[in-house]
PDB file of N, CA and C in Angstrom:
ATOM      1  N   MET A   1       0.844  -1.182   0.001  1.00  0.00           N
ATOM      2  CA  MET A   1       0.000   0.002  -0.001  1.00  0.00           C
ATOM      3  C   MET A   1       0.890   1.250  -0.002  1.00  0.00           C
ATOM      4  N   THR A   2       0.475   2.251  -0.704  1.00  0.00           N
ATOM      5  CA  THR A   2       1.192   3.515  -0.790  1.00  0.00           C
ATOM      6  C   THR A   2       1.033   4.269   0.524  1.00  0.00           C
ATOM      7  N   SER A   3       2.090   4.943   0.945  1.00  0.00           N
ATOM      8  CA  SER A   3       2.034   5.705   2.192  1.00  0.00           C
ATOM      9  C   SER A   3       1.650   7.154   1.928  1.00  0.00           C
ATOM     10  N   ILE A   4       1.272   7.832   2.987  1.00  0.00           N
ATOM     11  CA  ILE A   4       0.954   9.253   2.903  1.00  0.00           C
ATOM     12  C   ILE A   4       2.157  10.008   2.371  1.00  0.00           C
ATOM     13  N   ARG A   5       3.340   9.678   2.900  1.00  0.00           N
ATOM     14  CA  ARG A   5       4.572  10.360   2.456  1.00  0.00           C
ATOM     15  C   ARG A   5       4.799  10.199   0.969  1.00  0.00           C
ATOM     16  N   GLU A   6       4.549   9.012   0.438  1.00  0.00           N
ATOM     17  CA  GLU A   6       4.759   8.771  -0.998  1.00  0.00           C
ATOM     18  C   GLU A   6       3.793   9.600  -1.847  1.00  0.00           C
ATOM     19  N   ILE A   7       2.543   9.641  -1.440  1.00  0.00           N
ATOM     20  CA  ILE A   7       1.548  10.421  -2.190  1.00  0.00           C
ATOM     21  C   ILE A   7       1.905  11.898  -2.147  1.00  0.00           C
ATOM     22  N   VAL A   8       2.262  12.391  -0.963  1.00  0.00           N
ATOM     23  CA  VAL A   8       2.628  13.799  -0.813  1.00  0.00           C
ATOM     24  C   VAL A   8       3.875  14.118  -1.622  1.00  0.00           C
ATOM     25  N   SER A   9       4.858  13.246  -1.565  1.00  0.00           N
ATOM     26  CA  SER A   9       6.104  13.462  -2.309  1.00  0.00           C
ATOM     27  C   SER A   9       5.834  13.585  -3.802  1.00  0.00           C
ATOM     28  N   GLU A  10       4.992  12.710  -4.322  1.00  0.00           N
ATOM     29  CA  GLU A  10       4.658  12.758  -5.749  1.00  0.00           C
ATOM     30  C   GLU A  10       3.873  14.030  -6.087  1.00  0.00           C
ATOM     31  N   ALA A  11       2.924  14.388  -5.234  1.00  0.00           N
ATOM     32  CA  ALA A  11       2.132  15.603  -5.474  1.00  0.00           C
ATOM     33  C   ALA A  11       3.023  16.842  -5.465  1.00  0.00           C
ATOM     34  N   LEU A  12       3.929  16.923  -4.512  1.00  0.00           N
ATOM     35  CA  LEU A  12       4.819  18.080  -4.432  1.00  0.00           C
ATOM     36  C   LEU A  12       5.779  18.122  -5.618  1.00  0.00           C
ATOM     37  N   ALA A  13       6.241  16.956  -6.055  1.00  0.00           N
ATOM     38  CA  ALA A  13       7.158  16.901  -7.200  1.00  0.00           C
ATOM     39  C   ALA A  13       6.482  17.402  -8.475  1.00  0.00           C
ATOM     40  N   HIS A  14       5.195  17.081  -8.632  1.00  0.00           N
ATOM     41  CA  HIS A  14       4.447  17.480  -9.830  1.00  0.00           C
ATOM     42  C   HIS A  14       3.652  18.768  -9.621  1.00  0.00           C
ATOM     43  N   GLN A  15       3.641  19.260  -8.392  1.00  0.00           N
ATOM     44  CA  GLN A  15       2.877  20.460  -8.025  1.00  0.00           C
ATOM     45  C   GLN A  15       1.396  20.296  -8.359  1.00  0.00           C
ATOM     46  N   TYR A  16       0.890  19.073  -8.170  1.00  0.00           N
ATOM     47  CA  TYR A  16      -0.489  18.758  -8.554  1.00  0.00           C
ATOM     48  C   TYR A  16      -0.966  17.567  -7.738  1.00  0.00           C
ATOM     49  N   LEU A  17      -2.180  17.663  -7.181  1.00  0.00           N
ATOM     50  CA  LEU A  17      -2.785  16.554  -6.458  1.00  0.00           C
ATOM     51  C   LEU A  17      -4.010  16.095  -7.233  1.00  0.00           C
ATOM     52  N   SER A  18      -3.955  14.865  -7.721  1.00  0.00           N
ATOM     53  CA  SER A  18      -5.074  14.326  -8.498  1.00  0.00           C
ATOM     54  C   SER A  18      -6.219  13.925  -7.559  1.00  0.00           C
ATOM     55  N   ILE A  19      -7.380  13.741  -8.135  1.00  0.00           N
ATOM     56  CA  ILE A  19      -8.540  13.298  -7.367  1.00  0.00           C
ATOM     57  C   ILE A  19      -8.272  11.926  -6.767  1.00  0.00           C
ATOM     58  N   GLU A  20      -7.627  11.055  -7.517  1.00  0.00           N
ATOM     59  CA  GLU A  20      -7.319   9.711  -7.034  1.00  0.00           C
ATOM     60  C   GLU A  20      -6.373   9.768  -5.842  1.00  0.00           C
ATOM     61  N   ALA A  21      -5.341  10.605  -5.934  1.00  0.00           N
ATOM     62  CA  ALA A  21      -4.387  10.739  -4.830  1.00  0.00           C
ATOM     63  C   ALA A  21      -5.070  11.345  -3.607  1.00  0.00           C
ATOM     64  N   GLU A  22      -5.955  12.292  -3.838  1.00  0.00           N
ATOM     65  CA  GLU A  22      -6.690  12.918  -2.737  1.00  0.00           C
ATOM     66  C   GLU A  22      -7.551  11.887  -2.014  1.00  0.00           C
ATOM     67  N   GLU A  23      -8.212  11.029  -2.762  1.00  0.00           N
ATOM     68  CA  GLU A  23      -9.038   9.985  -2.157  1.00  0.00           C
ATOM     69  C   GLU A  23      -8.170   8.985  -1.397  1.00  0.00           C
ATOM     70  N   SER A  24      -7.023   8.632  -1.953  1.00  0.00           N
ATOM     71  CA  SER A  24      -6.097   7.737  -1.243  1.00  0.00           C
ATOM     72  C   SER A  24      -5.653   8.353   0.074  1.00  0.00           C
ATOM     73  N   LEU A  25      -5.355   9.648   0.056  1.00  0.00           N
ATOM     74  CA  LEU A  25      -4.972  10.337   1.296  1.00  0.00           C
ATOM     75  C   LEU A  25      -6.094  10.281   2.325  1.00  0.00           C
ATOM     76  N   ARG A  26      -7.327  10.488   1.886  1.00  0.00           N
ATOM     77  CA  ARG A  26      -8.469  10.428   2.813  1.00  0.00           C
ATOM     78  C   ARG A  26      -8.541   9.061   3.487  1.00  0.00           C
ATOM     79  N   GLN A  27      -8.393   8.015   2.684  1.00  0.00           N
ATOM     80  CA  GLN A  27      -8.463   6.662   3.229  1.00  0.00           C
ATOM     81  C   GLN A  27      -7.316   6.398   4.194  1.00  0.00           C
ATOM     82  N   LEU A  28      -6.107   6.812   3.818  1.00  0.00           N
ATOM     83  CA  LEU A  28      -4.945   6.590   4.679  1.00  0.00           C
ATOM     84  C   LEU A  28      -5.035   7.397   5.974  1.00  0.00           C
ATOM     85  N   MET A  29      -5.589   8.588   5.910  1.00  0.00           N
ATOM     86  CA  MET A  29      -5.689   9.434   7.099  1.00  0.00           C
ATOM     87  C   MET A  29      -6.735   8.901   8.089  1.00  0.00           C
ATOM     88  N   ARG A  30      -7.635   8.040   7.620  1.00  0.00           N
ATOM     89  CA  ARG A  30      -8.620   7.432   8.514  1.00  0.00           C
ATOM     90  C   ARG A  30      -7.988   6.367   9.401  1.00  0.00           C
ATOM     91  N   GLY A  31      -6.870   5.814   8.936  1.00  0.00           N
ATOM     92  CA  GLY A  31      -6.196   4.762   9.688  1.00  0.00           C
ATOM     93  C   GLY A  31      -5.084   5.315  10.561  1.00  0.00           C
ATOM     94  N   LYS A  32      -4.227   4.419  10.987  1.00  0.00           N
ATOM     95  CA  LYS A  32      -3.086   4.822  11.810  1.00  0.00           C
ATOM     96  C   LYS A  32      -1.951   5.278  10.911  1.00  0.00           C
ATOM     97  N   TYR A  33      -1.260   6.313  11.353  1.00  0.00           N
ATOM     98  CA  TYR A  33      -0.104   6.817  10.616  1.00  0.00           C
ATOM     99  C   TYR A  33       0.859   7.424  11.621  1.00  0.00           C
ATOM    100  N   GLY A  34       2.111   7.478  11.221  1.00  0.00           N
ATOM    101  CA  GLY A  34       3.157   7.961  12.110  1.00  0.00           C
ATOM    102  C   GLY A  34       3.426   9.445  11.972  1.00  0.00           C
ATOM    103  N   PRO A  35       4.342   9.939  12.783  1.00  0.00           N
ATOM    104  CA  PRO A  35       4.670  11.367  12.744  1.00  0.00           C
ATOM    105  C   PRO A  35       5.250  11.816  11.403  1.00  0.00           C
ATOM    106  N   ASP A  36       5.980  10.935  10.729  1.00  0.00           N
ATOM    107  CA  ASP A  36       6.534  11.299   9.416  1.00  0.00           C
ATOM    108  C   ASP A  36       5.424  11.504   8.385  1.00  0.00           C
ATOM    109  N   ASP A  37       4.414  10.648   8.431  1.00  0.00           N
ATOM    110  CA  ASP A  37       3.275  10.811   7.524  1.00  0.00           C
ATOM    111  C   ASP A  37       2.499  12.083   7.862  1.00  0.00           C
ATOM    112  N   PHE A  38       2.344  12.347   9.154  1.00  0.00           N
ATOM    113  CA  PHE A  38       1.638  13.566   9.558  1.00  0.00           C
ATOM    114  C   PHE A  38       2.391  14.803   9.089  1.00  0.00           C
ATOM    115  N   GLU A  39       3.711  14.813   9.242  1.00  0.00           N
ATOM    116  CA  GLU A  39       4.507  15.958   8.802  1.00  0.00           C
ATOM    117  C   GLU A  39       4.416  16.122   7.286  1.00  0.00           C
ATOM    118  N   ALA A  40       4.400  15.016   6.553  1.00  0.00           N
ATOM    119  CA  ALA A  40       4.252  15.090   5.093  1.00  0.00           C
ATOM    120  C   ALA A  40       2.901  15.700   4.734  1.00  0.00           C
ATOM    121  N   PHE A  41       1.850  15.280   5.429  1.00  0.00           N
ATOM    122  CA  PHE A  41       0.518  15.834   5.178  1.00  0.00           C
ATOM    123  C   PHE A  41       0.484  17.330   5.473  1.00  0.00           C
ATOM    124  N   MET A  42       1.140  17.750   6.540  1.00  0.00           N
ATOM    125  CA  MET A  42       1.193  19.181   6.872  1.00  0.00           C
ATOM    126  C   MET A  42       1.967  19.952   5.799  1.00  0.00           C
ATOM    127  N   ALA A  43       3.007  19.352   5.242  1.00  0.00           N
ATOM    128  CA  ALA A  43       3.750  19.993   4.147  1.00  0.00           C
ATOM    129  C   ALA A  43       2.837  20.181   2.934  1.00  0.00           C
ATOM    130  N   LEU A  44       1.980  19.205   2.692  1.00  0.00           N
ATOM    131  CA  LEU A  44       1.008  19.304   1.601  1.00  0.00           C
ATOM    132  C   LEU A  44       0.050  20.474   1.849  1.00  0.00           C
ATOM    133  N   GLN A  45      -0.432  20.598   3.068  1.00  0.00           N
ATOM    134  CA  GLN A  45      -1.330  21.700   3.410  1.00  0.00           C
ATOM    135  C   GLN A  45      -0.639  23.054   3.237  1.00  0.00           C
ATOM    136  N   ARG A  46       0.624  23.137   3.658  1.00  0.00           N
ATOM    137  CA  ARG A  46       1.369  24.394   3.488  1.00  0.00           C
ATOM    138  C   ARG A  46       1.525  24.734   2.009  1.00  0.00           C
ATOM    139  N   ALA A  47       1.735  23.720   1.179  1.00  0.00           N
ATOM    140  CA  ALA A  47       1.871  23.947  -0.266  1.00  0.00           C
ATOM    141  C   ALA A  47       0.563  24.475  -0.851  1.00  0.00           C
ATOM    142  N   PHE A  48      -0.573  23.943  -0.394  1.00  0.00           N
ATOM    143  CA  PHE A  48      -1.872  24.460  -0.844  1.00  0.00           C
ATOM    144  C   PHE A  48      -2.035  25.917  -0.453  1.00  0.00           C
ATOM    145  N   LEU A  49      -1.729  26.207   0.794  1.00  0.00           N
ATOM    146  CA  LEU A  49      -1.909  27.575   1.301  1.00  0.00           C
ATOM    147  C   LEU A  49      -1.004  28.579   0.602  1.00  0.00           C
ATOM    148  N   SER A  50       0.181  28.139   0.209  1.00  0.00           N
ATOM    149  CA  SER A  50       1.113  29.050  -0.462  1.00  0.00           C
ATOM    150  C   SER A  50       0.796  29.206  -1.944  1.00  0.00           C
ATOM    151  N   GLY A  51      -0.077  28.338  -2.462  1.00  0.00           N
ATOM    152  CA  GLY A  51      -0.437  28.402  -3.873  1.00  0.00           C
ATOM    153  C   GLY A  51       0.531  27.680  -4.788  1.00  0.00           C
ATOM    154  N   SER A  52       1.441  26.907  -4.218  1.00  0.00           N
ATOM    155  CA  SER A  52       2.421  26.210  -5.052  1.00  0.00           C
ATOM    156  C   SER A  52       1.947  24.823  -5.486  1.00  0.00           C
ATOM    157  N   LEU A  53       0.741  24.429  -5.076  1.00  0.00           N
ATOM    158  CA  LEU A  53       0.222  23.114  -5.419  1.00  0.00           C
ATOM    159  C   LEU A  53      -1.197  23.260  -5.942  1.00  0.00           C
ATOM    160  N   ARG A  54      -1.465  22.668  -7.104  1.00  0.00           N
ATOM    161  CA  ARG A  54      -2.808  22.680  -7.685  1.00  0.00           C
ATOM    162  C   ARG A  54      -3.548  21.422  -7.248  1.00  0.00           C
ATOM    163  N   GLN A  55      -4.859  21.531  -7.160  1.00  0.00           N
ATOM    164  CA  GLN A  55      -5.702  20.431  -6.715  1.00  0.00           C
ATOM    165  C   GLN A  55      -6.778  20.183  -7.766  1.00  0.00           C
ATOM    166  N   GLU A  56      -6.748  18.988  -8.350  1.00  0.00           N
ATOM    167  CA  GLU A  56      -7.680  18.667  -9.437  1.00  0.00           C
ATOM    168  C   GLU A  56      -9.137  18.853  -9.013  1.00  0.00           C
ATOM    169  N   SER A  57      -9.509  18.399  -7.844  1.00  0.00           N
ATOM    170  CA  SER A  57     -10.911  18.509  -7.419  1.00  0.00           C
ATOM    171  C   SER A  57     -11.338  19.966  -7.299  1.00  0.00           C
ATOM    172  N   ARG A  58     -10.463  20.823  -6.806  1.00  0.00           N
ATOM    173  CA  ARG A  58     -10.792  22.250  -6.677  1.00  0.00           C
ATOM    174  C   ARG A  58     -10.913  22.892  -8.056  1.00  0.00           C
ATOM    175  N   GLU A  59     -10.017  22.519  -8.977  1.00  0.00           N
ATOM    176  CA  GLU A  59     -10.073  23.072 -10.334  1.00  0.00           C
ATOM    177  C   GLU A  59     -11.371  22.673 -11.031  1.00  0.00           C
ATOM    178  N   ARG A  60     -11.788  21.433 -10.828  1.00  0.00           N
ATOM    179  CA  ARG A  60     -13.050  20.989 -11.435  1.00  0.00           C
ATOM    180  C   ARG A  60     -14.235  21.728 -10.844  1.00  0.00           C
ATOM    181  N   LEU A  61     -14.224  21.900  -9.525  1.00  0.00           N
ATOM    182  CA  LEU A  61     -15.308  22.615  -8.858  1.00  0.00           C
ATOM    183  C   LEU A  61     -15.379  24.058  -9.338  1.00  0.00           C
ATOM    184  N   LEU A  62     -14.251  24.722  -9.403  1.00  0.00           N
ATOM    185  CA  LEU A  62     -14.232  26.110  -9.871  1.00  0.00           C
ATOM    186  C   LEU A  62     -14.659  26.204 -11.329  1.00  0.00           C
ATOM    187  N   GLY A  63     -14.276  25.232 -12.141  1.00  0.00           N
ATOM    188  CA  GLY A  63     -14.692  25.208 -13.539  1.00  0.00           C
ATOM    189  C   GLY A  63     -16.197  25.063 -13.670  1.00  0.00           C
ATOM    190  N   GLN A  64     -16.788  24.229 -12.832  1.00  0.00           N
ATOM    191  CA  GLN A  64     -18.244  24.057 -12.854  1.00  0.00           C
ATOM    192  C   GLN A  64     -18.946  25.329 -12.406  1.00  0.00           C
ATOM    193  N   GLN A  65     -18.406  25.990 -11.393  1.00  0.00           N
ATOM    194  CA  GLN A  65     -19.009  27.237 -10.920  1.00  0.00           C
ATOM    195  C   GLN A  65     -18.922  28.311 -11.994  1.00  0.00           C
ATOM    196  N   ASN A  66     -17.769  28.423 -12.650  1.00  0.00           N
ATOM    197  CA  ASN A  66     -17.612  29.416 -13.710  1.00  0.00           C
ATOM    198  C   ASN A  66     -18.570  29.132 -14.862  1.00  0.00           C
ATOM    199  N   PHE A  67     -18.749  27.854 -15.192  1.00  0.00           N
ATOM    200  CA  PHE A  67     -19.668  27.467 -16.258  1.00  0.00           C
ATOM    201  C   PHE A  67     -21.097  27.873 -15.890  1.00  0.00           C
ATOM    202  N   THR A  68     -21.484  27.639 -14.645  1.00  0.00           N
ATOM    203  CA  THR A  68     -22.830  27.993 -14.192  1.00  0.00           C
ATOM    204  C   THR A  68     -23.035  29.499 -14.225  1.00  0.00           C
ATOM    205  N   ILE A  69     -22.065  30.255 -13.759  1.00  0.00           N
ATOM    206  CA  ILE A  69     -22.166  31.716 -13.771  1.00  0.00           C
ATOM    207  C   ILE A  69     -22.291  32.220 -15.205  1.00  0.00           C
ATOM    208  N   ALA A  70     -21.494  31.667 -16.114  1.00  0.00           N
ATOM    209  CA  ALA A  70     -21.550  32.084 -17.515  1.00  0.00           C
ATOM    210  C   ALA A  70     -22.911  31.747 -18.118  1.00  0.00           C
ATOM    211  N   ALA A  71     -23.457  30.583 -17.785  1.00  0.00           N
ATOM    212  CA  ALA A  71     -24.758  30.186 -18.321  1.00  0.00           C
ATOM    213  C   ALA A  71     -25.859  31.120 -17.829  1.00  0.00           C
ATOM    214  N   VAL A  72     -25.805  31.494 -16.569  1.00  0.00           N
ATOM    215  CA  VAL A  72     -26.805  32.418 -16.021  1.00  0.00           C
ATOM    216  C   VAL A  72     -26.670  33.781 -16.689  1.00  0.00           C
ATOM    217  N   ALA A  73     -25.445  34.256 -16.830  1.00  0.00           N
ATOM    218  CA  ALA A  73     -25.221  35.559 -17.471  1.00  0.00           C
ATOM    219  C   ALA A  73     -25.725  35.547 -18.908  1.00  0.00           C
ATOM    220  N   ASP A  74     -25.479  34.449 -19.622  1.00  0.00           N
ATOM    221  CA  ASP A  74     -25.943  34.348 -21.009  1.00  0.00           C
ATOM    222  C   ASP A  74     -27.472  34.341 -21.090  1.00  0.00           C
ATOM    223  N   SER A  75     -28.122  33.754 -20.109  1.00  0.00           N
ATOM    224  CA  SER A  75     -29.585  33.702 -20.150  1.00  0.00           C
ATOM    225  C   SER A  75     -30.210  35.041 -19.765  1.00  0.00           C
ATOM    226  N   ILE A  76     -29.518  35.828 -18.967  1.00  0.00           N
ATOM    227  CA  ILE A  76     -30.035  37.133 -18.554  1.00  0.00           C
ATOM    228  C   ILE A  76     -29.752  38.197 -19.605  1.00  0.00           C
ATOM    229  N   ALA A  77     -28.583  38.163 -20.206  1.00  0.00           N
ATOM    230  CA  ALA A  77     -28.137  39.216 -21.127  1.00  0.00           C
ATOM    231  C   ALA A  77     -29.128  39.505 -22.254  1.00  0.00           C
ATOM    232  N   PRO A  78     -29.705  38.508 -22.930  1.00  0.00           N
ATOM    233  CA  PRO A  78     -30.629  38.838 -24.027  1.00  0.00           C
ATOM    234  C   PRO A  78     -31.864  39.603 -23.558  1.00  0.00           C
ATOM    235  N   ALA A  79     -32.245  39.454 -22.308  1.00  0.00           N
ATOM    236  CA  ALA A  79     -33.428  40.140 -21.795  1.00  0.00           C
ATOM    237  C   ALA A  79     -33.157  41.609 -21.488  1.00  0.00           C
ATOM    238  N   CYS A  80     -31.889  41.967 -21.362  1.00  0.00           N
ATOM    239  CA  CYS A  80     -31.523  43.349 -21.045  1.00  0.00           C
ATOM    240  C   CYS A  80     -31.290  44.134 -22.328  1.00  0.00           C
ATOM    241  N   THR A  81     -31.739  45.349 -22.338  1.00  0.00           N
ATOM    242  CA  THR A  81     -31.477  46.232 -23.474  1.00  0.00           C
ATOM    243  C   THR A  81     -30.696  47.433 -22.976  1.00  0.00           C
ATOM    244  N   ALA A  82     -30.202  48.230 -23.901  1.00  0.00           N
ATOM    245  CA  ALA A  82     -29.460  49.435 -23.532  1.00  0.00           C
ATOM    246  C   ALA A  82     -30.340  50.353 -22.700  1.00  0.00           C
ATOM    247  N   ARG A  83     -31.621  50.428 -23.037  1.00  0.00           N
ATOM    248  CA  ARG A  83     -32.555  51.269 -22.290  1.00  0.00           C
ATOM    249  C   ARG A  83     -32.661  50.801 -20.840  1.00  0.00           C
ATOM    250  N   ASP A  84     -32.671  49.462 -20.637  1.00  0.00           N
ATOM    251  CA  ASP A  84     -32.763  48.913 -19.288  1.00  0.00           C
ATOM    252  C   ASP A  84     -31.540  49.258 -18.452  1.00  0.00           C
ATOM    253  N   LEU A  85     -30.401  49.401 -19.105  1.00  0.00           N
ATOM    254  CA  LEU A  85     -29.155  49.608 -18.389  1.00  0.00           C
ATOM    255  C   LEU A  85     -28.807  51.069 -18.186  1.00  0.00           C
ATOM    256  N   SER A  86     -29.524  51.991 -18.835  1.00  0.00           N
ATOM    257  CA  SER A  86     -29.191  53.418 -18.694  1.00  0.00           C
ATOM    258  C   SER A  86     -30.020  54.031 -17.575  1.00  0.00           C
ATOM    259  N   TYR A  87     -29.405  54.957 -16.910  1.00  0.00           N
ATOM    260  CA  TYR A  87     -30.087  55.642 -15.815  1.00  0.00           C
ATOM    261  C   TYR A  87     -30.333  57.110 -16.140  1.00  0.00           C
ATOM    262  N   ALA A  88     -30.057  57.534 -17.370  1.00  0.00           N
ATOM    263  CA  ALA A  88     -30.205  58.948 -17.761  1.00  0.00           C
ATOM    264  C   ALA A  88     -31.629  59.271 -18.120  1.00  0.00           C
TER     265      ALA A  88
END
């Protein structure tokens, strides 16, 4: 079985955490782990906070939110006219 340290090491090396690796970390963190694994996990958290590590699940979520916002804007825009937007 892959350890927390191995997953973190690979994520930091590639500056990217895949959804699969994230799920593996969740499963491993539910069990017993040592101080070295905990320190590796904390290094991963620091990398997220500093912005030096991308997270696939977060990118997908943000992409879906942006898509939804764009779809709403597109559906509203045709209903608005220049007259509706002017206050003069």
